[in-house]
N, C-alpha and C. Protein backbone atom coordinates (compact mmCIF):
# COMPACT_ATOMS: atom_id res chain seq x y z
N MET A 1 -4.10 -17.53 -14.58
CA MET A 1 -3.85 -17.96 -13.22
C MET A 1 -5.19 -18.10 -12.50
N GLN A 2 -5.33 -19.18 -11.78
CA GLN A 2 -6.56 -19.39 -11.02
C GLN A 2 -6.58 -18.46 -9.80
N TYR A 3 -7.80 -18.16 -9.34
CA TYR A 3 -7.97 -17.25 -8.22
C TYR A 3 -7.15 -17.70 -7.00
N PHE A 4 -7.23 -18.96 -6.64
CA PHE A 4 -6.52 -19.46 -5.47
C PHE A 4 -5.01 -19.24 -5.61
N GLN A 5 -4.47 -19.49 -6.79
CA GLN A 5 -3.04 -19.27 -7.02
C GLN A 5 -2.69 -17.79 -6.90
N ALA A 6 -3.54 -16.93 -7.42
CA ALA A 6 -3.31 -15.49 -7.32
C ALA A 6 -3.31 -15.03 -5.87
N VAL A 7 -4.24 -15.57 -5.07
CA VAL A 7 -4.31 -15.22 -3.65
C VAL A 7 -3.03 -15.67 -2.93
N GLN A 8 -2.60 -16.89 -3.18
CA GLN A 8 -1.40 -17.41 -2.51
C GLN A 8 -0.17 -16.58 -2.84
N LYS A 9 0.06 -16.31 -4.12
CA LYS A 9 1.21 -15.52 -4.55
C LYS A 9 1.11 -14.09 -4.04
N GLY A 10 -0.09 -13.52 -4.11
CA GLY A 10 -0.30 -12.16 -3.63
C GLY A 10 -0.10 -12.04 -2.13
N LYS A 11 -0.53 -13.04 -1.38
CA LYS A 11 -0.35 -13.01 0.08
C LYS A 11 1.13 -13.03 0.43
N GLU A 12 1.89 -13.82 -0.28
CA GLU A 12 3.34 -13.88 -0.05
C GLU A 12 3.97 -12.50 -0.30
N ARG A 13 3.60 -11.86 -1.39
CA ARG A 13 4.15 -10.55 -1.73
C ARG A 13 3.69 -9.47 -0.75
N ALA A 14 2.40 -9.46 -0.43
CA ALA A 14 1.87 -8.44 0.47
C ALA A 14 2.41 -8.61 1.89
N SER A 15 2.66 -9.84 2.31
CA SER A 15 3.22 -10.08 3.64
C SER A 15 4.61 -9.47 3.78
N LYS A 16 5.40 -9.52 2.73
CA LYS A 16 6.73 -8.89 2.76
C LYS A 16 6.60 -7.38 2.95
N SER A 17 5.65 -6.78 2.25
CA SER A 17 5.41 -5.34 2.39
C SER A 17 4.88 -5.02 3.78
N GLN A 18 4.04 -5.89 4.30
CA GLN A 18 3.48 -5.69 5.64
C GLN A 18 4.60 -5.65 6.68
N MET A 19 5.58 -6.52 6.55
CA MET A 19 6.70 -6.55 7.51
C MET A 19 7.55 -5.28 7.39
N LYS A 20 7.74 -4.79 6.19
CA LYS A 20 8.50 -3.54 6.02
C LYS A 20 7.76 -2.38 6.67
N MET A 21 6.45 -2.32 6.49
CA MET A 21 5.66 -1.27 7.13
C MET A 21 5.72 -1.41 8.64
N PHE A 22 5.62 -2.63 9.14
CA PHE A 22 5.68 -2.86 10.58
C PHE A 22 7.01 -2.37 11.15
N ASN A 23 8.10 -2.66 10.46
CA ASN A 23 9.43 -2.25 10.94
C ASN A 23 9.56 -0.74 11.03
N VAL A 24 8.88 -0.01 10.17
CA VAL A 24 8.97 1.45 10.16
C VAL A 24 7.92 2.09 11.07
N ALA A 25 6.69 1.56 11.04
CA ALA A 25 5.57 2.21 11.73
C ALA A 25 5.20 1.57 13.06
N GLY A 26 5.68 0.36 13.34
CA GLY A 26 5.31 -0.32 14.58
C GLY A 26 3.94 -0.98 14.51
N PHE A 27 3.26 -0.83 13.39
CA PHE A 27 1.96 -1.45 13.15
C PHE A 27 1.81 -1.56 11.65
N SER A 28 1.18 -2.63 11.21
CA SER A 28 0.92 -2.77 9.78
C SER A 28 -0.25 -3.72 9.57
N MET A 29 -1.06 -3.38 8.61
CA MET A 29 -2.18 -4.23 8.26
C MET A 29 -2.03 -4.66 6.80
N LEU A 30 -2.19 -5.94 6.56
CA LEU A 30 -2.21 -6.47 5.21
C LEU A 30 -3.49 -5.97 4.54
N THR A 31 -3.39 -5.49 3.33
CA THR A 31 -4.60 -5.02 2.65
C THR A 31 -4.96 -5.96 1.52
N LEU A 32 -4.59 -5.65 0.30
CA LEU A 32 -4.97 -6.47 -0.84
C LEU A 32 -3.92 -7.53 -1.16
N THR A 33 -4.38 -8.70 -1.59
CA THR A 33 -3.48 -9.74 -2.07
C THR A 33 -3.67 -10.00 -3.55
N THR A 34 -4.81 -9.59 -4.09
CA THR A 34 -5.09 -9.77 -5.51
C THR A 34 -5.61 -8.48 -6.11
N LYS A 35 -5.54 -8.41 -7.42
CA LYS A 35 -6.13 -7.30 -8.15
C LYS A 35 -6.88 -7.89 -9.34
N LYS A 36 -7.96 -7.23 -9.71
CA LYS A 36 -8.77 -7.71 -10.82
C LYS A 36 -8.61 -6.73 -11.99
N ILE A 37 -8.11 -7.25 -13.09
CA ILE A 37 -7.88 -6.44 -14.28
C ILE A 37 -8.56 -7.14 -15.45
N ASP A 38 -9.43 -6.41 -16.12
CA ASP A 38 -10.17 -6.96 -17.27
C ASP A 38 -10.87 -8.27 -16.92
N GLY A 39 -11.43 -8.34 -15.71
CA GLY A 39 -12.19 -9.51 -15.29
C GLY A 39 -11.36 -10.69 -14.84
N LYS A 40 -10.03 -10.54 -14.82
CA LYS A 40 -9.16 -11.64 -14.39
C LYS A 40 -8.43 -11.25 -13.12
N PHE A 41 -8.18 -12.24 -12.26
CA PHE A 41 -7.48 -12.01 -11.02
C PHE A 41 -5.98 -12.23 -11.19
N PHE A 42 -5.21 -11.34 -10.56
CA PHE A 42 -3.76 -11.41 -10.56
C PHE A 42 -3.28 -11.16 -9.14
N PRO A 43 -2.12 -11.70 -8.76
CA PRO A 43 -1.57 -11.33 -7.46
C PRO A 43 -1.10 -9.88 -7.50
N VAL A 44 -1.08 -9.21 -6.36
CA VAL A 44 -0.48 -7.87 -6.32
C VAL A 44 0.96 -8.00 -6.79
N GLY A 45 1.50 -6.93 -7.33
CA GLY A 45 2.85 -6.96 -7.88
C GLY A 45 3.93 -7.05 -6.81
N GLU A 46 5.11 -7.48 -7.24
CA GLU A 46 6.25 -7.57 -6.33
C GLU A 46 6.83 -6.20 -5.99
N GLU A 47 6.75 -5.26 -6.93
CA GLU A 47 7.34 -3.95 -6.72
C GLU A 47 6.67 -3.23 -5.55
N GLU A 48 7.41 -2.29 -4.96
CA GLU A 48 6.91 -1.56 -3.80
C GLU A 48 7.12 -0.06 -4.00
N PHE A 49 6.05 0.68 -3.73
CA PHE A 49 6.07 2.13 -3.75
C PHE A 49 5.29 2.59 -2.52
N THR A 50 5.52 3.81 -2.09
CA THR A 50 4.82 4.31 -0.90
C THR A 50 4.09 5.60 -1.21
N ALA A 51 3.03 5.84 -0.45
CA ALA A 51 2.21 7.05 -0.60
C ALA A 51 1.46 7.27 0.71
N VAL A 52 0.77 8.38 0.79
CA VAL A 52 -0.10 8.69 1.93
C VAL A 52 -1.48 9.01 1.38
N ILE A 53 -2.49 8.47 2.04
CA ILE A 53 -3.88 8.75 1.67
C ILE A 53 -4.65 9.19 2.90
N GLU A 54 -5.81 9.76 2.68
CA GLU A 54 -6.72 10.11 3.77
C GLU A 54 -7.83 9.07 3.80
N SER A 55 -8.09 8.55 4.99
CA SER A 55 -9.18 7.59 5.17
C SER A 55 -10.26 8.22 6.04
N GLU A 56 -11.32 7.48 6.29
CA GLU A 56 -12.39 8.00 7.15
C GLU A 56 -11.89 8.26 8.57
N ASP A 57 -10.85 7.52 8.99
CA ASP A 57 -10.37 7.59 10.37
C ASP A 57 -9.12 8.45 10.55
N GLY A 58 -8.55 8.95 9.47
CA GLY A 58 -7.32 9.74 9.57
C GLY A 58 -6.47 9.54 8.33
N HIS A 59 -5.18 9.73 8.48
CA HIS A 59 -4.25 9.58 7.37
C HIS A 59 -3.50 8.27 7.50
N VAL A 60 -3.20 7.66 6.36
CA VAL A 60 -2.62 6.32 6.34
C VAL A 60 -1.45 6.30 5.36
N ALA A 61 -0.30 5.78 5.80
CA ALA A 61 0.81 5.51 4.89
C ALA A 61 0.57 4.13 4.29
N VAL A 62 0.83 3.97 3.00
CA VAL A 62 0.58 2.70 2.32
C VAL A 62 1.80 2.28 1.51
N ILE A 63 1.89 0.97 1.29
CA ILE A 63 2.83 0.41 0.33
C ILE A 63 1.98 -0.21 -0.77
N VAL A 64 2.26 0.18 -2.01
CA VAL A 64 1.47 -0.26 -3.15
C VAL A 64 2.35 -0.90 -4.21
N ASP A 65 1.72 -1.60 -5.14
CA ASP A 65 2.47 -2.14 -6.28
C ASP A 65 2.49 -1.09 -7.40
N ASN A 66 3.06 -1.44 -8.52
CA ASN A 66 3.21 -0.50 -9.64
C ASN A 66 1.87 0.03 -10.15
N ASP A 67 0.82 -0.75 -10.03
CA ASP A 67 -0.51 -0.33 -10.49
C ASP A 67 -1.28 0.46 -9.43
N GLY A 68 -0.67 0.66 -8.25
CA GLY A 68 -1.33 1.41 -7.19
C GLY A 68 -2.24 0.59 -6.30
N PHE A 69 -2.15 -0.74 -6.37
CA PHE A 69 -2.95 -1.59 -5.48
C PHE A 69 -2.22 -1.73 -4.16
N THR A 70 -2.90 -1.41 -3.06
CA THR A 70 -2.26 -1.44 -1.75
C THR A 70 -1.96 -2.86 -1.31
N LYS A 71 -0.81 -3.01 -0.67
CA LYS A 71 -0.41 -4.30 -0.13
C LYS A 71 -0.34 -4.25 1.39
N ALA A 72 -0.01 -3.08 1.92
CA ALA A 72 0.08 -2.91 3.37
C ALA A 72 -0.20 -1.46 3.72
N GLN A 73 -0.67 -1.24 4.95
CA GLN A 73 -0.95 0.12 5.40
C GLN A 73 -0.61 0.28 6.86
N SER A 74 -0.34 1.52 7.25
CA SER A 74 -0.18 1.86 8.66
C SER A 74 -1.57 1.98 9.28
N LYS A 75 -1.63 2.19 10.59
CA LYS A 75 -2.92 2.51 11.18
C LYS A 75 -3.23 3.97 10.86
N ALA A 76 -4.47 4.36 11.02
CA ALA A 76 -4.87 5.75 10.77
C ALA A 76 -4.28 6.64 11.85
N VAL A 77 -3.59 7.68 11.43
CA VAL A 77 -2.90 8.61 12.34
C VAL A 77 -3.12 10.04 11.85
N GLU A 78 -2.57 10.99 12.60
CA GLU A 78 -2.59 12.39 12.16
C GLU A 78 -1.73 12.52 10.90
N LYS A 79 -2.04 13.53 10.10
CA LYS A 79 -1.35 13.71 8.82
C LYS A 79 0.16 13.79 9.00
N GLU A 80 0.64 14.51 10.01
CA GLU A 80 2.07 14.67 10.22
C GLU A 80 2.75 13.33 10.49
N GLU A 81 2.10 12.48 11.25
CA GLU A 81 2.67 11.16 11.55
C GLU A 81 2.68 10.27 10.31
N ALA A 82 1.62 10.33 9.51
CA ALA A 82 1.58 9.55 8.27
C ALA A 82 2.70 9.99 7.33
N ILE A 83 2.94 11.30 7.25
CA ILE A 83 4.03 11.83 6.41
C ILE A 83 5.38 11.36 6.97
N SER A 84 5.51 11.32 8.28
CA SER A 84 6.75 10.84 8.89
C SER A 84 7.01 9.37 8.54
N ILE A 85 5.98 8.54 8.60
CA ILE A 85 6.10 7.13 8.22
C ILE A 85 6.48 7.03 6.74
N PHE A 86 5.81 7.80 5.91
CA PHE A 86 6.11 7.85 4.48
C PHE A 86 7.59 8.17 4.25
N LYS A 87 8.11 9.18 4.94
CA LYS A 87 9.51 9.58 4.78
C LYS A 87 10.45 8.47 5.24
N LYS A 88 10.09 7.77 6.31
CA LYS A 88 10.91 6.65 6.77
C LYS A 88 10.93 5.52 5.73
N LEU A 89 9.79 5.28 5.10
CA LEU A 89 9.73 4.26 4.04
C LEU A 89 10.61 4.68 2.86
N ILE A 90 10.57 5.96 2.51
CA ILE A 90 11.44 6.48 1.44
C ILE A 90 12.90 6.26 1.83
N ASP A 91 13.25 6.62 3.06
CA ASP A 91 14.63 6.46 3.55
C ASP A 91 15.07 5.01 3.56
N SER A 92 14.12 4.08 3.70
CA SER A 92 14.45 2.65 3.72
C SER A 92 14.64 2.09 2.31
N GLY A 93 14.41 2.94 1.30
CA GLY A 93 14.64 2.50 -0.08
C GLY A 93 13.40 2.25 -0.90
N ILE A 94 12.22 2.50 -0.34
CA ILE A 94 10.97 2.32 -1.10
C ILE A 94 10.64 3.65 -1.76
N PRO A 95 10.59 3.70 -3.09
CA PRO A 95 10.32 4.98 -3.76
C PRO A 95 8.87 5.43 -3.63
N GLU A 96 8.65 6.71 -3.87
CA GLU A 96 7.31 7.29 -3.84
C GLU A 96 6.50 6.81 -5.03
N HIS A 97 5.24 6.51 -4.78
CA HIS A 97 4.30 6.16 -5.85
C HIS A 97 4.03 7.44 -6.64
N SER A 98 4.31 7.42 -7.92
CA SER A 98 4.25 8.66 -8.72
C SER A 98 2.85 8.99 -9.22
N LYS A 99 1.94 8.05 -9.19
CA LYS A 99 0.59 8.32 -9.69
C LYS A 99 -0.22 9.05 -8.63
N LYS A 100 -1.29 9.69 -9.05
CA LYS A 100 -2.08 10.56 -8.17
C LYS A 100 -3.14 9.84 -7.34
N GLU A 101 -3.29 8.51 -7.56
CA GLU A 101 -4.28 7.77 -6.78
C GLU A 101 -3.85 6.32 -6.61
N ILE A 102 -4.44 5.69 -5.62
CA ILE A 102 -4.19 4.28 -5.33
C ILE A 102 -5.51 3.55 -5.18
N GLN A 103 -5.44 2.24 -5.17
CA GLN A 103 -6.63 1.40 -4.98
C GLN A 103 -6.50 0.70 -3.63
N ILE A 104 -7.42 0.97 -2.73
CA ILE A 104 -7.43 0.30 -1.43
C ILE A 104 -8.82 -0.30 -1.23
N TRP A 105 -8.83 -1.59 -0.92
CA TRP A 105 -10.08 -2.34 -0.86
C TRP A 105 -10.83 -2.13 -2.16
N SER A 106 -12.04 -1.64 -2.13
CA SER A 106 -12.79 -1.43 -3.37
C SER A 106 -12.85 0.05 -3.74
N GLN A 107 -12.00 0.85 -3.11
CA GLN A 107 -12.04 2.30 -3.31
C GLN A 107 -10.78 2.81 -3.99
N THR A 108 -10.95 3.86 -4.77
CA THR A 108 -9.82 4.59 -5.32
C THR A 108 -9.69 5.86 -4.49
N ARG A 109 -8.47 6.12 -4.01
CA ARG A 109 -8.24 7.30 -3.17
C ARG A 109 -7.08 8.11 -3.71
N PRO A 110 -7.19 9.44 -3.64
CA PRO A 110 -6.08 10.28 -4.08
C PRO A 110 -4.91 10.21 -3.09
N THR A 111 -3.70 10.31 -3.62
CA THR A 111 -2.53 10.39 -2.75
C THR A 111 -2.37 11.84 -2.30
N ILE A 112 -1.87 12.03 -1.08
CA ILE A 112 -1.78 13.39 -0.54
C ILE A 112 -0.39 13.74 -0.02
N GLN A 113 0.60 12.88 -0.19
CA GLN A 113 1.91 13.14 0.37
C GLN A 113 2.55 14.42 -0.18
N ASN A 114 2.11 14.88 -1.33
CA ASN A 114 2.67 16.11 -1.89
C ASN A 114 1.89 17.36 -1.51
N GLN A 115 0.94 17.23 -0.60
CA GLN A 115 0.17 18.38 -0.12
C GLN A 115 0.70 18.87 1.21
N ILE A 116 2.00 18.82 1.37
CA ILE A 116 2.62 19.21 2.65
C ILE A 116 2.68 20.72 2.76
């Protein structure tokens, strides 16, 4: 798949996740639309999982694909509020991301939703 095609397909998928986050959190930011694996670009996956991470500005609830690439995020909030958003996403039918880390922008971050 060419890079442009991966971006277009990934944007479509990430936008759906962004709207789900917006409906739960009242704010949502689109994050990644593509992922690079073995030097090739792919759109982010269609599947949706949720987790909480710590950022420089606070705690963030995220929606990720099966590989842990973020598609949408809440704004940075206090840990309790991020956990609340996470729980609302779970209640809406988005399962918890089972892996211990996610990929956001160019960084790998540990998930913290189980450190309650």
